[in-house]
């Protein structure tokens, strides 16, 4: 029986998001706080005669448009890798949710292959490969929370993982990243310094200081995002916001029983949701199965 390895691919949320500038090539200069949630996909890998990708969610393509396939192709090109693998993804993080699920998958596979094939690439080198896939892939490679700047790939590591329970909910309707950015008006001089808010201000102050510039445009297209923010606050959240380009909404709670009741309420209402512990640190180790 061939050897098999497994890892978890954890999602992220954005604590605030400032769109500072729109570039001529259509990309945007931004500033955002990246932190982790316990929502994860399980990725299993084994050697194979040829590359094969299986996703548990049948609507997700497994061709060259999949970020995992792109990651493997770029790694083969970069490191001269000739080994082939069968990769199976138990997909639990919703797509089109603003949680970085696809980028996290790509980063996890880069880390897995680097270890399994004994490529010996440093995290910084893997991050360079990952940047060619997506701006937030380096964040998942380095696996450290912090402030993302530039296209989102320049990470200033600082401890902004909330000391609070995080409830994240997906409104069962995905948001287009392209449309979200098309509808935003860049503001090169935000009213509040994002790093200062996240590192110096109490969570209770965040509703007055922390904004996601993409949120109004997404709520105009997907009103349920705004409704879920209101619901999160009604359930007792200290702060609620949209993650990334949407459509997921998260709430921060100081009390575990209040967070648990909010999480269970969303589940009862038929939504995919997640509950994350305070100061959560993801385990992204690659483990060989017996």
C-alpha atoms as a PDB file:
ATOM      1  CA  UNK A   1       0.000   0.000   0.000  1.00  0.00           C
ATOM      2  CA  UNK A   2       1.410   3.415  -0.954  1.00  0.00           C
ATOM      3  CA  UNK A   3       2.263   6.016   1.661  1.00  0.00           C
ATOM      4  CA  UNK A   4      -0.332   8.696   2.419  1.00  0.00           C
ATOM      5  CA  UNK A   5      -0.081  12.107   4.036  1.00  0.00           C
ATOM      6  CA  UNK A   6      -2.701  14.473   5.421  1.00  0.00           C
ATOM      7  CA  UNK A   7      -2.924  18.124   6.449  1.00  0.00           C
ATOM      8  CA  UNK A   8      -5.601  20.644   7.374  1.00  0.00           C
ATOM      9  CA  UNK A   9      -6.142  23.763   5.272  1.00  0.00           C
ATOM     10  CA  UNK A  10      -7.520  26.548   7.491  1.00  0.00           C
ATOM     11  CA  UNK A  11      -9.576  29.533   6.330  1.00  0.00           C
ATOM     12  CA  UNK A  12      -9.050  33.194   7.228  1.00  0.00           C
ATOM     13  CA  UNK A  13     -11.170  36.225   7.953  1.00  0.00           C
ATOM     14  CA  UNK A  14     -10.284  39.856   7.329  1.00  0.00           C
ATOM     15  CA  UNK A  15     -10.344  42.258  10.267  1.00  0.00           C
ATOM     16  CA  UNK A  16     -11.047  45.442   8.335  1.00  0.00           C
ATOM     17  CA  UNK A  17     -10.101  46.054   4.717  1.00  0.00           C
ATOM     18  CA  UNK A  18      -8.989  49.380   3.228  1.00  0.00           C
ATOM     19  CA  UNK A  19      -8.837  49.668  -0.572  1.00  0.00           C
ATOM     20  CA  UNK A  20      -6.219  52.391  -1.042  1.00  0.00           C
ATOM     21  CA  UNK A  21      -5.682  52.519  -4.808  1.00  0.00           C
ATOM     22  CA  UNK A  22      -6.864  50.950  -8.057  1.00  0.00           C
ATOM     23  CA  UNK A  23      -3.960  50.062 -10.367  1.00  0.00           C
ATOM     24  CA  UNK A  24      -4.079  50.310 -14.200  1.00  0.00           C
ATOM     25  CA  UNK A  25      -3.842  46.499 -14.450  1.00  0.00           C
ATOM     26  CA  UNK A  26      -7.070  46.106 -12.468  1.00  0.00           C
ATOM     27  CA  UNK A  27      -5.407  45.064  -9.217  1.00  0.00           C
ATOM     28  CA  UNK A  28      -5.763  47.053  -6.002  1.00  0.00           C
ATOM     29  CA  UNK A  29      -3.435  48.290  -3.281  1.00  0.00           C
ATOM     30  CA  UNK A  30      -5.009  47.407   0.028  1.00  0.00           C
ATOM     31  CA  UNK A  31      -4.478  47.032   3.741  1.00  0.00           C
ATOM     32  CA  UNK A  32      -6.183  44.366   5.829  1.00  0.00           C
ATOM     33  CA  UNK A  33      -5.853  42.318   8.992  1.00  0.00           C
ATOM     34  CA  UNK A  34      -5.492  38.577   8.394  1.00  0.00           C
ATOM     35  CA  UNK A  35      -6.368  36.070  11.107  1.00  0.00           C
ATOM     36  CA  UNK A  36      -7.386  32.412  11.201  1.00  0.00           C
ATOM     37  CA  UNK A  37     -10.607  30.575  11.936  1.00  0.00           C
ATOM     38  CA  UNK A  38     -11.069  26.880  12.729  1.00  0.00           C
ATOM     39  CA  UNK A  39     -12.991  26.222   9.516  1.00  0.00           C
ATOM     40  CA  UNK A  40     -10.783  23.869   7.514  1.00  0.00           C
ATOM     41  CA  UNK A  41     -10.563  21.487   4.571  1.00  0.00           C
ATOM     42  CA  UNK A  42      -8.860  18.108   4.958  1.00  0.00           C
ATOM     43  CA  UNK A  43      -6.291  17.331   2.257  1.00  0.00           C
ATOM     44  CA  UNK A  44      -4.915  13.845   1.701  1.00  0.00           C
ATOM     45  CA  UNK A  45      -2.119  13.025  -0.745  1.00  0.00           C
ATOM     46  CA  UNK A  46      -0.396   9.883  -2.035  1.00  0.00           C
ATOM     47  CA  UNK A  47       2.068   9.119  -4.850  1.00  0.00           C
ATOM     48  CA  UNK A  48       0.495   8.349  -8.232  1.00  0.00           C
ATOM     49  CA  UNK A  49       1.472   7.587 -11.824  1.00  0.00           C
ATOM     50  CA  UNK A  50      -0.022  10.898 -12.903  1.00  0.00           C
ATOM     51  CA  UNK A  51      -1.439  13.987 -11.248  1.00  0.00           C
ATOM     52  CA  UNK A  52      -5.045  13.517 -10.141  1.00  0.00           C
ATOM     53  CA  UNK A  53      -7.240  15.850  -8.065  1.00  0.00           C
ATOM     54  CA  UNK A  54     -10.496  14.885  -6.392  1.00  0.00           C
ATOM     55  CA  UNK A  55     -12.772  17.442  -4.677  1.00  0.00           C
ATOM     56  CA  UNK A  56     -15.623  16.333  -2.420  1.00  0.00           C
ATOM     57  CA  UNK A  57     -17.612  19.341  -3.691  1.00  0.00           C
ATOM     58  CA  UNK A  58     -18.534  18.397  -7.298  1.00  0.00           C
ATOM     59  CA  UNK A  59     -19.193  21.990  -8.418  1.00  0.00           C
ATOM     60  CA  UNK A  60     -15.516  22.922  -7.946  1.00  0.00           C
ATOM     61  CA  UNK A  61     -13.504  22.289 -11.139  1.00  0.00           C
ATOM     62  CA  UNK A  62     -10.439  20.034 -11.031  1.00  0.00           C
ATOM     63  CA  UNK A  63      -8.838  21.348 -14.234  1.00  0.00           C
ATOM     64  CA  UNK A  64      -6.101  23.965 -14.686  1.00  0.00           C
ATOM     65  CA  UNK A  65      -8.371  26.653 -13.197  1.00  0.00           C
ATOM     66  CA  UNK A  66      -8.145  24.996  -9.773  1.00  0.00           C
ATOM     67  CA  UNK A  67      -5.529  26.709  -7.586  1.00  0.00           C
ATOM     68  CA  UNK A  68      -4.182  23.349  -6.393  1.00  0.00           C
ATOM     69  CA  UNK A  69      -3.416  22.323  -9.969  1.00  0.00           C
ATOM     70  CA  UNK A  70      -1.798  25.706 -10.612  1.00  0.00           C
ATOM     71  CA  UNK A  71       0.287  25.318  -7.452  1.00  0.00           C
ATOM     72  CA  UNK A  72       1.602  21.921  -8.515  1.00  0.00           C
ATOM     73  CA  UNK A  73       2.386  23.116 -12.026  1.00  0.00           C
ATOM     74  CA  UNK A  74       4.323  26.115 -10.715  1.00  0.00           C
ATOM     75  CA  UNK A  75       6.187  23.995  -8.174  1.00  0.00           C
ATOM     76  CA  UNK A  76       7.149  21.491 -10.871  1.00  0.00           C
ATOM     77  CA  UNK A  77       8.442  24.367 -12.983  1.00  0.00           C
ATOM     78  CA  UNK A  78      10.262  26.050 -10.078  1.00  0.00           C
ATOM     79  CA  UNK A  79      11.872  23.023  -8.438  1.00  0.00           C
ATOM     80  CA  UNK A  80      12.122  20.588 -11.328  1.00  0.00           C
ATOM     81  CA  UNK A  81       9.663  18.298  -9.565  1.00  0.00           C
ATOM     82  CA  UNK A  82       8.756  15.165 -11.490  1.00  0.00           C
ATOM     83  CA  UNK A  83       6.823  13.268  -8.821  1.00  0.00           C
ATOM     84  CA  UNK A  84       3.072  12.957  -9.359  1.00  0.00           C
ATOM     85  CA  UNK A  85       0.381  12.750  -6.697  1.00  0.00           C
ATOM     86  CA  UNK A  86      -3.242  11.874  -6.151  1.00  0.00           C
ATOM     87  CA  UNK A  87      -4.758  14.642  -4.029  1.00  0.00           C
ATOM     88  CA  UNK A  88      -8.136  14.360  -2.347  1.00  0.00           C
ATOM     89  CA  UNK A  89      -9.802  17.375  -0.726  1.00  0.00           C
ATOM     90  CA  UNK A  90     -12.630  17.039   1.769  1.00  0.00           C
ATOM     91  CA  UNK A  91     -14.082  20.498   1.116  1.00  0.00           C
ATOM     92  CA  UNK A  92     -15.775  22.054   4.139  1.00  0.00           C
ATOM     93  CA  UNK A  93     -14.898  25.747   3.702  1.00  0.00           C
ATOM     94  CA  UNK A  94     -17.511  27.291   1.348  1.00  0.00           C
ATOM     95  CA  UNK A  95     -16.359  28.676  -2.004  1.00  0.00           C
ATOM     96  CA  UNK A  96     -17.091  32.313  -2.863  1.00  0.00           C
ATOM     97  CA  UNK A  97     -17.219  33.083   0.839  1.00  0.00           C
ATOM     98  CA  UNK A  98     -14.325  35.530   1.285  1.00  0.00           C
ATOM     99  CA  UNK A  99     -12.542  33.005   3.510  1.00  0.00           C
ATOM    100  CA  UNK A 100      -9.585  32.254   1.219  1.00  0.00           C
ATOM    101  CA  UNK A 101     -10.416  28.564   0.937  1.00  0.00           C
ATOM    102  CA  UNK A 102      -8.893  28.085  -2.524  1.00  0.00           C
ATOM    103  CA  UNK A 103      -5.717  29.972  -1.642  1.00  0.00           C
ATOM    104  CA  UNK A 104      -5.395  28.021   1.615  1.00  0.00           C
ATOM    105  CA  UNK A 105      -5.704  24.761  -0.338  1.00  0.00           C
ATOM    106  CA  UNK A 106      -2.964  25.839  -2.751  1.00  0.00           C
ATOM    107  CA  UNK A 107      -0.656  26.849   0.102  1.00  0.00           C
ATOM    108  CA  UNK A 108      -1.295  23.584   1.953  1.00  0.00           C
ATOM    109  CA  UNK A 109      -0.421  21.514  -1.120  1.00  0.00           C
ATOM    110  CA  UNK A 110       2.775  23.524  -1.674  1.00  0.00           C
ATOM    111  CA  UNK A 111       3.791  22.803   1.927  1.00  0.00           C
ATOM    112  CA  UNK A 112       2.840  19.110   1.613  1.00  0.00           C
ATOM    113  CA  UNK A 113       4.778  18.489  -1.574  1.00  0.00           C
ATOM    114  CA  UNK A 114       7.767  20.445  -0.272  1.00  0.00           C
ATOM    115  CA  UNK A 115       7.934  18.075   2.707  1.00  0.00           C
ATOM    116  CA  UNK A 116       6.969  14.802   1.026  1.00  0.00           C
ATOM    117  CA  UNK A 117       9.295  15.284  -1.968  1.00  0.00           C
ATOM    118  CA  UNK A 118      12.106  16.621   0.268  1.00  0.00           C
ATOM    119  CA  UNK A 119      12.464  19.748  -1.863  1.00  0.00           C
ATOM    120  CA  UNK A 120      13.920  21.724   1.045  1.00  0.00           C
ATOM    121  CA  UNK A 121      12.424  25.054  -0.035  1.00  0.00           C
ATOM    122  CA  UNK A 122      12.257  27.761   2.641  1.00  0.00           C
ATOM    123  CA  UNK A 123       8.893  29.348   3.442  1.00  0.00           C
ATOM    124  CA  UNK A 124       9.955  32.576   1.707  1.00  0.00           C
ATOM    125  CA  UNK A 125      10.705  30.686  -1.504  1.00  0.00           C
ATOM    126  CA  UNK A 126       7.404  28.797  -1.333  1.00  0.00           C
ATOM    127  CA  UNK A 127       5.661  32.134  -0.773  1.00  0.00           C
ATOM    128  CA  UNK A 128       7.230  33.491  -3.972  1.00  0.00           C
ATOM    129  CA  UNK A 129       5.767  30.552  -5.870  1.00  0.00           C
ATOM    130  CA  UNK A 130       2.435  31.051  -4.093  1.00  0.00           C
ATOM    131  CA  UNK A 131       2.266  34.738  -4.998  1.00  0.00           C
ATOM    132  CA  UNK A 132       2.010  33.742  -8.663  1.00  0.00           C
ATOM    133  CA  UNK A 133      -1.214  31.913  -7.768  1.00  0.00           C
ATOM    134  CA  UNK A 134      -2.897  34.570  -5.632  1.00  0.00           C
ATOM    135  CA  UNK A 135      -2.075  37.575  -3.462  1.00  0.00           C
ATOM    136  CA  UNK A 136      -3.156  35.930  -0.202  1.00  0.00           C
ATOM    137  CA  UNK A 137      -1.352  32.586  -0.747  1.00  0.00           C
ATOM    138  CA  UNK A 138       1.851  33.845   0.972  1.00  0.00           C
ATOM    139  CA  UNK A 139      -0.170  34.536   4.128  1.00  0.00           C
ATOM    140  CA  UNK A 140      -1.241  30.893   4.236  1.00  0.00           C
ATOM    141  CA  UNK A 141       2.322  29.726   3.491  1.00  0.00           C
ATOM    142  CA  UNK A 142       3.826  31.668   6.395  1.00  0.00           C
ATOM    143  CA  UNK A 143       0.921  30.750   8.673  1.00  0.00           C
ATOM    144  CA  UNK A 144       1.267  33.914  10.800  1.00  0.00           C
ATOM    145  CA  UNK A 145      -1.457  36.468  11.491  1.00  0.00           C
ATOM    146  CA  UNK A 146      -0.722  40.078  10.643  1.00  0.00           C
ATOM    147  CA  UNK A 147      -1.405  43.126   8.518  1.00  0.00           C
ATOM    148  CA  UNK A 148      -1.472  42.502   4.777  1.00  0.00           C
ATOM    149  CA  UNK A 149      -0.447  45.375   2.522  1.00  0.00           C
ATOM    150  CA  UNK A 150       0.259  46.002  -1.157  1.00  0.00           C
ATOM    151  CA  UNK A 151      -1.751  43.478  -3.134  1.00  0.00           C
ATOM    152  CA  UNK A 152      -2.286  41.761   0.215  1.00  0.00           C
ATOM    153  CA  UNK A 153       0.906  39.706  -0.026  1.00  0.00           C
ATOM    154  CA  UNK A 154       3.201  41.876   2.105  1.00  0.00           C
ATOM    155  CA  UNK A 155       2.535  40.629   5.631  1.00  0.00           C
ATOM    156  CA  UNK A 156       3.644  42.531   8.722  1.00  0.00           C
ATOM    157  CA  UNK A 157       3.428  39.848  11.382  1.00  0.00           C
ATOM    158  CA  UNK A 158       1.732  41.016  14.555  1.00  0.00           C
ATOM    159  CA  UNK A 159      -0.543  39.318  17.063  1.00  0.00           C
ATOM    160  CA  UNK A 160      -4.026  40.326  15.970  1.00  0.00           C
ATOM    161  CA  UNK A 161      -5.697  36.920  16.439  1.00  0.00           C
ATOM    162  CA  UNK A 162      -8.748  37.978  18.498  1.00  0.00           C
ATOM    163  CA  UNK A 163      -8.925  37.019  22.161  1.00  0.00           C
ATOM    164  CA  UNK A 164     -12.598  36.319  21.574  1.00  0.00           C
ATOM    165  CA  UNK A 165     -14.872  33.635  20.188  1.00  0.00           C
ATOM    166  CA  UNK A 166     -15.431  34.007  16.436  1.00  0.00           C
ATOM    167  CA  UNK A 167     -18.674  32.889  14.805  1.00  0.00           C
ATOM    168  CA  UNK A 168     -18.483  32.809  10.999  1.00  0.00           C
ATOM    169  CA  UNK A 169     -21.509  32.166   8.795  1.00  0.00           C
ATOM    170  CA  UNK A 170     -21.971  31.757   5.027  1.00  0.00           C
ATOM    171  CA  UNK A 171     -25.278  33.130   3.660  1.00  0.00           C
ATOM    172  CA  UNK A 172     -25.569  30.331   1.068  1.00  0.00           C
ATOM    173  CA  UNK A 173     -24.803  32.777  -1.757  1.00  0.00           C
ATOM    174  CA  UNK A 174     -21.266  33.371  -3.013  1.00  0.00           C
ATOM    175  CA  UNK A 175     -19.810  36.793  -3.760  1.00  0.00           C
ATOM    176  CA  UNK A 176     -17.769  37.601  -6.865  1.00  0.00           C
ATOM    177  CA  UNK A 177     -14.399  39.089  -5.952  1.00  0.00           C
ATOM    178  CA  UNK A 178     -14.233  40.891  -9.301  1.00  0.00           C
ATOM    179  CA  UNK A 179     -17.655  42.520  -8.809  1.00  0.00           C
ATOM    180  CA  UNK A 180     -16.846  43.477  -5.218  1.00  0.00           C
ATOM    181  CA  UNK A 181     -13.739  45.393  -6.293  1.00  0.00           C
ATOM    182  CA  UNK A 182     -15.448  46.943  -9.328  1.00  0.00           C
ATOM    183  CA  UNK A 183     -17.947  48.637  -7.015  1.00  0.00           C
ATOM    184  CA  UNK A 184     -15.483  50.067  -4.511  1.00  0.00           C
ATOM    185  CA  UNK A 185     -14.192  53.644  -4.388  1.00  0.00           C
ATOM    186  CA  UNK A 186     -10.528  53.582  -3.282  1.00  0.00           C
ATOM    187  CA  UNK A 187      -9.593  55.858  -0.395  1.00  0.00           C
ATOM    188  CA  UNK A 188      -5.820  56.477  -0.115  1.00  0.00           C
ATOM    189  CA  UNK A 189      -6.178  58.080   3.338  1.00  0.00           C
ATOM    190  CA  UNK A 190      -8.410  56.004   5.656  1.00  0.00           C
ATOM    191  CA  UNK A 191      -9.801  57.748   8.709  1.00  0.00           C
ATOM    192  CA  UNK A 192      -8.205  55.295  11.143  1.00  0.00           C
ATOM    193  CA  UNK A 193      -4.876  53.450  11.251  1.00  0.00           C
ATOM    194  CA  UNK A 194      -5.727  49.772  10.864  1.00  0.00           C
ATOM    195  CA  UNK A 195      -2.765  48.372  12.800  1.00  0.00           C
ATOM    196  CA  UNK A 196      -3.348  50.783  15.670  1.00  0.00           C
ATOM    197  CA  UNK A 197      -7.033  49.842  15.872  1.00  0.00           C
ATOM    198  CA  UNK A 198      -6.299  46.103  15.860  1.00  0.00           C
ATOM    199  CA  UNK A 199      -3.406  46.202  18.352  1.00  0.00           C
ATOM    200  CA  UNK A 200      -4.366  49.035  20.708  1.00  0.00           C
ATOM    201  CA  UNK A 201      -8.151  49.386  20.755  1.00  0.00           C
ATOM    202  CA  UNK A 202     -10.597  47.148  22.630  1.00  0.00           C
ATOM    203  CA  UNK A 203     -12.970  45.065  20.503  1.00  0.00           C
ATOM    204  CA  UNK A 204     -15.882  47.116  21.884  1.00  0.00           C
ATOM    205  CA  UNK A 205     -14.455  50.141  20.037  1.00  0.00           C
ATOM    206  CA  UNK A 206     -14.077  48.359  16.703  1.00  0.00           C
ATOM    207  CA  UNK A 207     -17.635  49.080  15.438  1.00  0.00           C
ATOM    208  CA  UNK A 208     -16.693  52.772  15.343  1.00  0.00           C
ATOM    209  CA  UNK A 209     -13.202  52.339  13.877  1.00  0.00           C
ATOM    210  CA  UNK A 210     -12.977  49.175  11.754  1.00  0.00           C
ATOM    211  CA  UNK A 211     -14.447  49.065   8.256  1.00  0.00           C
ATOM    212  CA  UNK A 212     -14.348  46.867   5.161  1.00  0.00           C
ATOM    213  CA  UNK A 213     -14.487  49.135   2.103  1.00  0.00           C
ATOM    214  CA  UNK A 214     -15.951  46.288   0.011  1.00  0.00           C
ATOM    215  CA  UNK A 215     -18.909  45.729   2.329  1.00  0.00           C
ATOM    216  CA  UNK A 216     -21.395  48.394   1.086  1.00  0.00           C
ATOM    217  CA  UNK A 217     -21.135  47.284  -2.546  1.00  0.00           C
ATOM    218  CA  UNK A 218     -21.593  43.616  -1.647  1.00  0.00           C
ATOM    219  CA  UNK A 219     -24.568  44.341   0.625  1.00  0.00           C
ATOM    220  CA  UNK A 220     -26.194  46.239  -2.268  1.00  0.00           C
ATOM    221  CA  UNK A 221     -25.974  43.046  -4.357  1.00  0.00           C
ATOM    222  CA  UNK A 222     -26.493  40.509  -1.561  1.00  0.00           C
ATOM    223  CA  UNK A 223     -28.748  42.074   1.113  1.00  0.00           C
ATOM    224  CA  UNK A 224     -28.483  38.919   3.212  1.00  0.00           C
ATOM    225  CA  UNK A 225     -24.919  39.968   4.116  1.00  0.00           C
ATOM    226  CA  UNK A 226     -26.281  43.065   5.840  1.00  0.00           C
ATOM    227  CA  UNK A 227     -29.081  41.066   7.444  1.00  0.00           C
ATOM    228  CA  UNK A 228     -26.573  38.581   8.854  1.00  0.00           C
ATOM    229  CA  UNK A 229     -24.455  41.389  10.305  1.00  0.00           C
ATOM    230  CA  UNK A 230     -27.553  42.667  12.090  1.00  0.00           C
ATOM    231  CA  UNK A 231     -28.390  39.140  13.271  1.00  0.00           C
ATOM    232  CA  UNK A 232     -24.865  38.663  14.605  1.00  0.00           C
ATOM    233  CA  UNK A 233     -25.171  41.856  16.662  1.00  0.00           C
ATOM    234  CA  UNK A 234     -28.657  40.853  17.829  1.00  0.00           C
ATOM    235  CA  UNK A 235     -27.171  37.566  19.054  1.00  0.00           C
ATOM    236  CA  UNK A 236     -24.757  39.570  21.216  1.00  0.00           C
ATOM    237  CA  UNK A 237     -21.593  40.060  19.127  1.00  0.00           C
ATOM    238  CA  UNK A 238     -19.264  42.849  20.217  1.00  0.00           C
ATOM    239  CA  UNK A 239     -18.321  43.393  16.570  1.00  0.00           C
ATOM    240  CA  UNK A 240     -19.588  42.012  13.260  1.00  0.00           C
ATOM    241  CA  UNK A 241     -18.257  42.412   9.743  1.00  0.00           C
ATOM    242  CA  UNK A 242     -17.934  40.885   6.296  1.00  0.00           C
ATOM    243  CA  UNK A 243     -14.788  38.915   5.505  1.00  0.00           C
ATOM    244  CA  UNK A 244     -12.780  39.930   2.447  1.00  0.00           C
ATOM    245  CA  UNK A 245     -14.892  40.353  -0.677  1.00  0.00           C
ATOM    246  CA  UNK A 246     -17.746  38.421   0.948  1.00  0.00           C
ATOM    247  CA  UNK A 247     -20.072  36.910   1.364  1.00  0.00           C
ATOM    248  CA  UNK A 248     -19.294  35.399   4.787  1.00  0.00           C
ATOM    249  CA  UNK A 249     -20.025  37.401   7.927  1.00  0.00           C
ATOM    250  CA  UNK A 250     -18.247  36.977  11.255  1.00  0.00           C
ATOM    251  CA  UNK A 251     -18.969  38.115  14.785  1.00  0.00           C
ATOM    252  CA  UNK A 252     -16.677  38.430  17.806  1.00  0.00           C
ATOM    253  CA  UNK A 253     -18.016  37.369  21.206  1.00  0.00           C
ATOM    254  CA  UNK A 254     -16.457  37.568  24.660  1.00  0.00           C
ATOM    255  CA  UNK A 255     -18.692  34.916  26.258  1.00  0.00           C
ATOM    256  CA  UNK A 256     -18.533  31.318  25.068  1.00  0.00           C
ATOM    257  CA  UNK A 257     -22.192  30.501  25.738  1.00  0.00           C
ATOM    258  CA  UNK A 258     -23.376  33.554  23.771  1.00  0.00           C
ATOM    259  CA  UNK A 259     -21.129  32.608  20.835  1.00  0.00           C
ATOM    260  CA  UNK A 260     -22.262  28.986  20.979  1.00  0.00           C
ATOM    261  CA  UNK A 261     -25.929  29.992  20.943  1.00  0.00           C
ATOM    262  CA  UNK A 262     -25.321  32.277  17.922  1.00  0.00           C
ATOM    263  CA  UNK A 263     -23.463  29.502  16.084  1.00  0.00           C
ATOM    264  CA  UNK A 264     -26.153  26.918  16.818  1.00  0.00           C
ATOM    265  CA  UNK A 265     -28.880  29.365  15.774  1.00  0.00           C
ATOM    266  CA  UNK A 266     -27.311  29.844  12.337  1.00  0.00           C
ATOM    267  CA  UNK A 267     -26.963  26.070  11.963  1.00  0.00           C
ATOM    268  CA  UNK A 268     -30.643  25.611  12.863  1.00  0.00           C
ATOM    269  CA  UNK A 269     -31.540  28.218  10.238  1.00  0.00           C
ATOM    270  CA  UNK A 270     -29.799  26.081   7.598  1.00  0.00           C
ATOM    271  CA  UNK A 271     -26.557  28.016   7.125  1.00  0.00           C
ATOM    272  CA  UNK A 272     -22.990  26.693   7.070  1.00  0.00           C
ATOM    273  CA  UNK A 273     -21.231  28.148  10.111  1.00  0.00           C
ATOM    274  CA  UNK A 274     -18.122  27.812  12.243  1.00  0.00           C
ATOM    275  CA  UNK A 275     -17.149  28.491  15.847  1.00  0.00           C
ATOM    276  CA  UNK A 276     -13.522  29.443  16.565  1.00  0.00           C
ATOM    277  CA  UNK A 277     -11.873  29.543  19.988  1.00  0.00           C
ATOM    278  CA  UNK A 278     -10.130  32.669  21.364  1.00  0.00           C
ATOM    279  CA  UNK A 279      -6.486  33.068  20.312  1.00  0.00           C
ATOM    280  CA  UNK A 280      -6.809  30.114  17.922  1.00  0.00           C
ATOM    281  CA  UNK A 281      -3.536  28.872  16.367  1.00  0.00           C
ATOM    282  CA  UNK A 282      -3.889  26.485  13.388  1.00  0.00           C
ATOM    283  CA  UNK A 283      -1.963  23.238  13.159  1.00  0.00           C
ATOM    284  CA  UNK A 284      -0.798  23.028   9.552  1.00  0.00           C
ATOM    285  CA  UNK A 285       1.593  20.151  10.056  1.00  0.00           C
ATOM    286  CA  UNK A 286       1.873  17.426   7.395  1.00  0.00           C
ATOM    287  CA  UNK A 287       1.338  13.989   8.919  1.00  0.00           C
ATOM    288  CA  UNK A 288       1.872  10.527   7.493  1.00  0.00           C
ATOM    289  CA  UNK A 289      -1.087   8.198   7.909  1.00  0.00           C
ATOM    290  CA  UNK A 290      -0.582   4.702   9.311  1.00  0.00           C
END
